[in-house]
Amino acid sequence: MSDTAVDAPVELVPYDPAWPRRFADEKIVIGDVLGDLVVGAIEHVGSTAVPGVEAKPIVDIMVGIRDLSVSDRLVPLLGRIGYLYFPYRPDVMHWFCKPSASFRTHHVHAVPAGSRLWRERLAFRDYLGAHSDVAIAYVELKRQLAAKHKFNREAYTEAKGAFIRGVLAAALPDGDSPG
């Protein structure tokens, strides 16, 4: 990720019951501005989408797109509503944040609908929502990693990888499990 996109420290806060409303409000705005570029759905993903889970107070939104070639249209359209584009993992998604790189309230992950990443994000969210013991273990891991990697979001994210892969192995059918 670009240096300018990792300025803010990793800080977890208790679950906020306003997060689903913040998602719903933003979903309408994003849907209106992107129109037919949205394929399938606009989904609330990440920890703010799982009731009771501590999270960075940033609403993660996954927008289904046809394929990654629509980036030339996404960037200016999402820019109109305050999103900044960063070429983070551009081989699998287009990533945006707002209002700034150092203070973020929302992330948009434009992901090809039905792709492996699309399926994994939904499966992870749904599995945590259905398995409170796993959600509790995830929160504990996140607390430890946030303390260890407070000023390195990339390291924090990467350190969650083994846990996430384990959840995905349980959440997805055998043919869909992560490699």
C-alpha atoms as a PDB file:
ATOM      1  CA  MET A   1       0.000   0.000   0.000  1.00  0.00           C
ATOM      2  CA  SER A   2       1.162   3.517  -0.663  1.00  0.00           C
ATOM      3  CA  ASP A   3       2.845   5.235   2.293  1.00  0.00           C
ATOM      4  CA  THR A   4       0.194   7.933   2.294  1.00  0.00           C
ATOM      5  CA  ALA A   5      -2.506   5.324   2.884  1.00  0.00           C
ATOM      6  CA  VAL A   6      -1.013   3.913   6.093  1.00  0.00           C
ATOM      7  CA  ASP A   7      -0.522   7.035   8.194  1.00  0.00           C
ATOM      8  CA  ALA A   8      -3.219   6.400  10.803  1.00  0.00           C
ATOM      9  CA  PRO A   9      -2.415   4.118  13.751  1.00  0.00           C
ATOM     10  CA  VAL A  10      -4.306   0.865  14.293  1.00  0.00           C
ATOM     11  CA  GLU A  11      -6.904   1.566  16.963  1.00  0.00           C
ATOM     12  CA  LEU A  12      -9.736  -0.794  17.841  1.00  0.00           C
ATOM     13  CA  VAL A  13     -12.986   0.408  19.380  1.00  0.00           C
ATOM     14  CA  PRO A  14     -15.961  -1.486  20.810  1.00  0.00           C
ATOM     15  CA  TYR A  15     -18.696  -2.468  18.364  1.00  0.00           C
ATOM     16  CA  ASP A  16     -20.845   0.530  17.455  1.00  0.00           C
ATOM     17  CA  PRO A  17     -24.500  -0.249  16.640  1.00  0.00           C
ATOM     18  CA  ALA A  18     -24.437   2.798  14.314  1.00  0.00           C
ATOM     19  CA  TRP A  19     -22.095   1.020  11.881  1.00  0.00           C
ATOM     20  CA  PRO A  20     -24.872  -0.802   9.977  1.00  0.00           C
ATOM     21  CA  ARG A  21     -26.716   2.526   9.487  1.00  0.00           C
ATOM     22  CA  ARG A  22     -23.518   4.223   8.303  1.00  0.00           C
ATOM     23  CA  PHE A  23     -23.127   1.391   5.788  1.00  0.00           C
ATOM     24  CA  ALA A  24     -26.757   1.605   4.639  1.00  0.00           C
ATOM     25  CA  ASP A  25     -26.514   5.365   4.117  1.00  0.00           C
ATOM     26  CA  GLU A  26     -23.258   5.081   2.180  1.00  0.00           C
ATOM     27  CA  LYS A  27     -24.578   2.157   0.124  1.00  0.00           C
ATOM     28  CA  ILE A  28     -27.295   4.431  -1.275  1.00  0.00           C
ATOM     29  CA  VAL A  29     -24.820   7.175  -2.182  1.00  0.00           C
ATOM     30  CA  ILE A  30     -22.390   4.726  -3.797  1.00  0.00           C
ATOM     31  CA  GLY A  31     -25.163   2.965  -5.709  1.00  0.00           C
ATOM     32  CA  ASP A  32     -26.461   6.284  -7.003  1.00  0.00           C
ATOM     33  CA  VAL A  33     -23.055   7.468  -8.212  1.00  0.00           C
ATOM     34  CA  LEU A  34     -21.886   4.156  -9.712  1.00  0.00           C
ATOM     35  CA  GLY A  35     -25.192   3.118 -11.271  1.00  0.00           C
ATOM     36  CA  ASP A  36     -24.779   0.246 -13.719  1.00  0.00           C
ATOM     37  CA  LEU A  37     -21.113  -0.247 -12.801  1.00  0.00           C
ATOM     38  CA  VAL A  38     -22.410  -2.131  -9.753  1.00  0.00           C
ATOM     39  CA  VAL A  39     -22.862  -5.801 -10.595  1.00  0.00           C
ATOM     40  CA  GLY A  40     -24.624  -7.919  -8.050  1.00  0.00           C
ATOM     41  CA  ALA A  41     -24.487  -6.134  -4.740  1.00  0.00           C
ATOM     42  CA  ILE A  42     -22.947  -3.620  -2.397  1.00  0.00           C
ATOM     43  CA  GLU A  43     -22.025  -5.459   0.798  1.00  0.00           C
ATOM     44  CA  HIS A  44     -20.982  -4.467   4.321  1.00  0.00           C
ATOM     45  CA  VAL A  45     -17.841  -6.490   5.086  1.00  0.00           C
ATOM     46  CA  GLY A  46     -15.033  -6.470   7.602  1.00  0.00           C
ATOM     47  CA  SER A  47     -15.325  -6.349  11.351  1.00  0.00           C
ATOM     48  CA  THR A  48     -17.803  -3.462  11.452  1.00  0.00           C
ATOM     49  CA  ALA A  49     -20.245  -5.809   9.698  1.00  0.00           C
ATOM     50  CA  VAL A  50     -20.190  -8.358  12.525  1.00  0.00           C
ATOM     51  CA  PRO A  51     -22.295  -7.408  15.568  1.00  0.00           C
ATOM     52  CA  GLY A  52     -20.297  -7.358  18.794  1.00  0.00           C
ATOM     53  CA  VAL A  53     -16.842  -7.415  17.183  1.00  0.00           C
ATOM     54  CA  GLU A  54     -14.309  -4.724  18.072  1.00  0.00           C
ATOM     55  CA  ALA A  55     -12.932  -2.991  15.005  1.00  0.00           C
ATOM     56  CA  LYS A  56     -11.109  -0.066  13.583  1.00  0.00           C
ATOM     57  CA  PRO A  57     -13.985   2.439  13.268  1.00  0.00           C
ATOM     58  CA  ILE A  58     -13.964   2.272   9.472  1.00  0.00           C
ATOM     59  CA  VAL A  59     -16.943   0.917   7.548  1.00  0.00           C
ATOM     60  CA  ASP A  60     -15.704  -1.513   4.886  1.00  0.00           C
ATOM     61  CA  ILE A  61     -17.887  -1.655   1.807  1.00  0.00           C
ATOM     62  CA  MET A  62     -17.455  -4.190  -0.983  1.00  0.00           C
ATOM     63  CA  VAL A  63     -18.882  -3.191  -4.343  1.00  0.00           C
ATOM     64  CA  GLY A  64     -19.430  -5.871  -6.940  1.00  0.00           C
ATOM     65  CA  ILE A  65     -18.087  -4.885 -10.358  1.00  0.00           C
ATOM     66  CA  ARG A  66     -17.961  -6.757 -13.671  1.00  0.00           C
ATOM     67  CA  ASP A  67     -14.154  -6.804 -13.807  1.00  0.00           C
ATOM     68  CA  LEU A  68     -11.140  -4.689 -12.919  1.00  0.00           C
ATOM     69  CA  SER A  69     -11.118  -2.918 -16.285  1.00  0.00           C
ATOM     70  CA  VAL A  70     -13.768  -0.466 -15.048  1.00  0.00           C
ATOM     71  CA  SER A  71     -11.208   1.370 -12.906  1.00  0.00           C
ATOM     72  CA  ASP A  72     -10.998   4.281 -15.349  1.00  0.00           C
ATOM     73  CA  ARG A  73     -14.690   4.940 -14.618  1.00  0.00           C
ATOM     74  CA  LEU A  74     -14.664   4.117 -10.882  1.00  0.00           C
ATOM     75  CA  VAL A  75     -11.926   6.535  -9.835  1.00  0.00           C
ATOM     76  CA  PRO A  76     -13.568   9.793 -10.964  1.00  0.00           C
ATOM     77  CA  LEU A  77     -17.064   8.709  -9.915  1.00  0.00           C
ATOM     78  CA  LEU A  78     -16.072   7.703  -6.389  1.00  0.00           C
ATOM     79  CA  GLY A  79     -13.873  10.810  -6.250  1.00  0.00           C
ATOM     80  CA  ARG A  80     -17.021  12.934  -6.615  1.00  0.00           C
ATOM     81  CA  ILE A  81     -18.261  11.602  -3.271  1.00  0.00           C
ATOM     82  CA  GLY A  82     -14.955  12.010  -1.463  1.00  0.00           C
ATOM     83  CA  TYR A  83     -13.160   8.717  -2.046  1.00  0.00           C
ATOM     84  CA  LEU A  84      -9.426   8.612  -2.703  1.00  0.00           C
ATOM     85  CA  TYR A  85      -8.008   5.800  -4.817  1.00  0.00           C
ATOM     86  CA  PHE A  86      -4.927   3.819  -3.784  1.00  0.00           C
ATOM     87  CA  PRO A  87      -3.435   1.037  -5.923  1.00  0.00           C
ATOM     88  CA  TYR A  88      -3.542  -1.517  -3.109  1.00  0.00           C
ATOM     89  CA  ARG A  89      -3.805  -5.103  -4.424  1.00  0.00           C
ATOM     90  CA  PRO A  90      -4.845  -3.864  -7.902  1.00  0.00           C
ATOM     91  CA  ASP A  91      -4.589  -7.407  -9.261  1.00  0.00           C
ATOM     92  CA  VAL A  92      -7.734  -8.410  -7.300  1.00  0.00           C
ATOM     93  CA  MET A  93      -9.579  -5.182  -6.423  1.00  0.00           C
ATOM     94  CA  HIS A  94      -9.655  -1.402  -6.520  1.00  0.00           C
ATOM     95  CA  TRP A  95      -9.347   0.183  -3.076  1.00  0.00           C
ATOM     96  CA  PHE A  96     -10.627   3.585  -1.970  1.00  0.00           C
ATOM     97  CA  CYS A  97     -10.874   5.445   1.337  1.00  0.00           C
ATOM     98  CA  LYS A  98     -12.464   8.618   2.632  1.00  0.00           C
ATOM     99  CA  PRO A  99     -12.220  11.311   3.802  1.00  0.00           C
ATOM    100  CA  SER A 100      -8.381  11.127   3.862  1.00  0.00           C
ATOM    101  CA  ALA A 101      -5.550   8.630   4.067  1.00  0.00           C
ATOM    102  CA  SER A 102      -4.767   9.533   7.663  1.00  0.00           C
ATOM    103  CA  PHE A 103      -8.372   9.743   8.897  1.00  0.00           C
ATOM    104  CA  ARG A 104     -10.696   7.186   7.391  1.00  0.00           C
ATOM    105  CA  THR A 105     -14.367   6.590   8.018  1.00  0.00           C
ATOM    106  CA  HIS A 106     -15.079   4.366   5.007  1.00  0.00           C
ATOM    107  CA  HIS A 107     -13.239   1.990   2.691  1.00  0.00           C
ATOM    108  CA  VAL A 108     -14.570   0.834  -0.653  1.00  0.00           C
ATOM    109  CA  HIS A 109     -13.260  -2.404  -2.105  1.00  0.00           C
ATOM    110  CA  ALA A 110     -14.388  -2.685  -5.737  1.00  0.00           C
ATOM    111  CA  VAL A 111     -14.163  -6.419  -6.397  1.00  0.00           C
ATOM    112  CA  PRO A 112     -15.283  -8.504  -9.358  1.00  0.00           C
ATOM    113  CA  ALA A 113     -18.619 -10.006  -8.284  1.00  0.00           C
ATOM    114  CA  GLY A 114     -18.357 -13.736  -7.738  1.00  0.00           C
ATOM    115  CA  SER A 115     -14.547 -13.735  -7.697  1.00  0.00           C
ATOM    116  CA  ARG A 116     -12.600 -15.678  -5.110  1.00  0.00           C
ATOM    117  CA  LEU A 117     -12.000 -12.504  -3.053  1.00  0.00           C
ATOM    118  CA  TRP A 118     -15.721 -11.678  -3.225  1.00  0.00           C
ATOM    119  CA  ARG A 119     -16.678 -15.131  -1.943  1.00  0.00           C
ATOM    120  CA  GLU A 120     -14.011 -15.106   0.767  1.00  0.00           C
ATOM    121  CA  ARG A 121     -15.007 -11.714   2.186  1.00  0.00           C
ATOM    122  CA  LEU A 122     -18.644 -12.747   2.458  1.00  0.00           C
ATOM    123  CA  ALA A 123     -17.822 -16.181   3.872  1.00  0.00           C
ATOM    124  CA  PHE A 124     -15.548 -14.707   6.542  1.00  0.00           C
ATOM    125  CA  ARG A 125     -18.138 -12.131   7.617  1.00  0.00           C
ATOM    126  CA  ASP A 126     -20.926 -14.697   7.716  1.00  0.00           C
ATOM    127  CA  TYR A 127     -18.851 -17.291   9.579  1.00  0.00           C
ATOM    128  CA  LEU A 128     -17.889 -14.832  12.322  1.00  0.00           C
ATOM    129  CA  GLY A 129     -21.514 -13.755  12.606  1.00  0.00           C
ATOM    130  CA  ALA A 130     -22.638 -17.361  13.067  1.00  0.00           C
ATOM    131  CA  HIS A 131     -19.811 -18.543  15.369  1.00  0.00           C
ATOM    132  CA  SER A 132     -19.419 -16.292  18.408  1.00  0.00           C
ATOM    133  CA  ASP A 133     -16.502 -18.352  19.772  1.00  0.00           C
ATOM    134  CA  VAL A 134     -14.532 -17.703  16.587  1.00  0.00           C
ATOM    135  CA  ALA A 135     -15.498 -14.020  16.643  1.00  0.00           C
ATOM    136  CA  ILE A 136     -14.235 -13.759  20.245  1.00  0.00           C
ATOM    137  CA  ALA A 137     -10.948 -15.417  19.292  1.00  0.00           C
ATOM    138  CA  TYR A 138     -10.615 -13.018  16.356  1.00  0.00           C
ATOM    139  CA  VAL A 139     -11.146 -10.000  18.619  1.00  0.00           C
ATOM    140  CA  GLU A 140      -8.470 -11.228  21.015  1.00  0.00           C
ATOM    141  CA  LEU A 141      -6.017 -11.724  18.151  1.00  0.00           C
ATOM    142  CA  LYS A 142      -6.828  -8.271  16.793  1.00  0.00           C
ATOM    143  CA  ARG A 143      -6.174  -6.706  20.216  1.00  0.00           C
ATOM    144  CA  GLN A 144      -2.768  -8.371  20.424  1.00  0.00           C
ATOM    145  CA  LEU A 145      -1.842  -7.402  16.889  1.00  0.00           C
ATOM    146  CA  ALA A 146      -3.084  -3.823  17.276  1.00  0.00           C
ATOM    147  CA  ALA A 147      -0.792  -3.394  20.275  1.00  0.00           C
ATOM    148  CA  LYS A 148       2.141  -4.973  18.443  1.00  0.00           C
ATOM    149  CA  HIS A 149       1.637  -3.203  15.090  1.00  0.00           C
ATOM    150  CA  LYS A 150       0.000   0.057  16.206  1.00  0.00           C
ATOM    151  CA  PHE A 151       1.851   2.123  13.609  1.00  0.00           C
ATOM    152  CA  ASN A 152       1.994  -0.422  10.796  1.00  0.00           C
ATOM    153  CA  ARG A 153      -1.412  -1.253   9.328  1.00  0.00           C
ATOM    154  CA  GLU A 154       0.078  -3.487   6.664  1.00  0.00           C
ATOM    155  CA  ALA A 155       1.848  -5.660   9.278  1.00  0.00           C
ATOM    156  CA  TYR A 156      -1.350  -5.762  11.353  1.00  0.00           C
ATOM    157  CA  THR A 157      -3.349  -6.944   8.348  1.00  0.00           C
ATOM    158  CA  GLU A 158      -0.752  -9.507   7.265  1.00  0.00           C
ATOM    159  CA  ALA A 159      -0.477 -10.928  10.796  1.00  0.00           C
ATOM    160  CA  LYS A 160      -4.196 -11.797  10.751  1.00  0.00           C
ATOM    161  CA  GLY A 161      -3.680 -13.895   7.623  1.00  0.00           C
ATOM    162  CA  ALA A 162      -3.261 -17.344   9.189  1.00  0.00           C
ATOM    163  CA  PHE A 163      -6.370 -16.896  11.344  1.00  0.00           C
ATOM    164  CA  ILE A 164      -8.409 -15.699   8.366  1.00  0.00           C
ATOM    165  CA  ARG A 165      -7.229 -18.604   6.202  1.00  0.00           C
ATOM    166  CA  GLY A 166      -8.275 -20.999   8.975  1.00  0.00           C
ATOM    167  CA  VAL A 167     -11.749 -19.487   9.131  1.00  0.00           C
ATOM    168  CA  LEU A 168     -12.062 -19.601   5.349  1.00  0.00           C
ATOM    169  CA  ALA A 169     -11.070 -23.266   5.304  1.00  0.00           C
ATOM    170  CA  ALA A 170     -13.989 -23.945   7.661  1.00  0.00           C
ATOM    171  CA  ALA A 171     -16.414 -21.525   5.997  1.00  0.00           C
ATOM    172  CA  LEU A 172     -16.056 -22.415   2.342  1.00  0.00           C
ATOM    173  CA  PRO A 173     -16.925 -25.689   0.619  1.00  0.00           C
ATOM    174  CA  ASP A 174     -13.892 -27.851  -0.163  1.00  0.00           C
ATOM    175  CA  GLY A 175     -13.719 -26.728  -3.774  1.00  0.00           C
ATOM    176  CA  ASP A 176     -13.672 -23.080  -2.727  1.00  0.00           C
ATOM    177  CA  SER A 177     -11.162 -23.225   0.129  1.00  0.00           C
ATOM    178  CA  PRO A 178      -8.227 -20.803   0.010  1.00  0.00           C
ATOM    179  CA  GLY A 179      -4.946 -21.942  -1.454  1.00  0.00           C
END
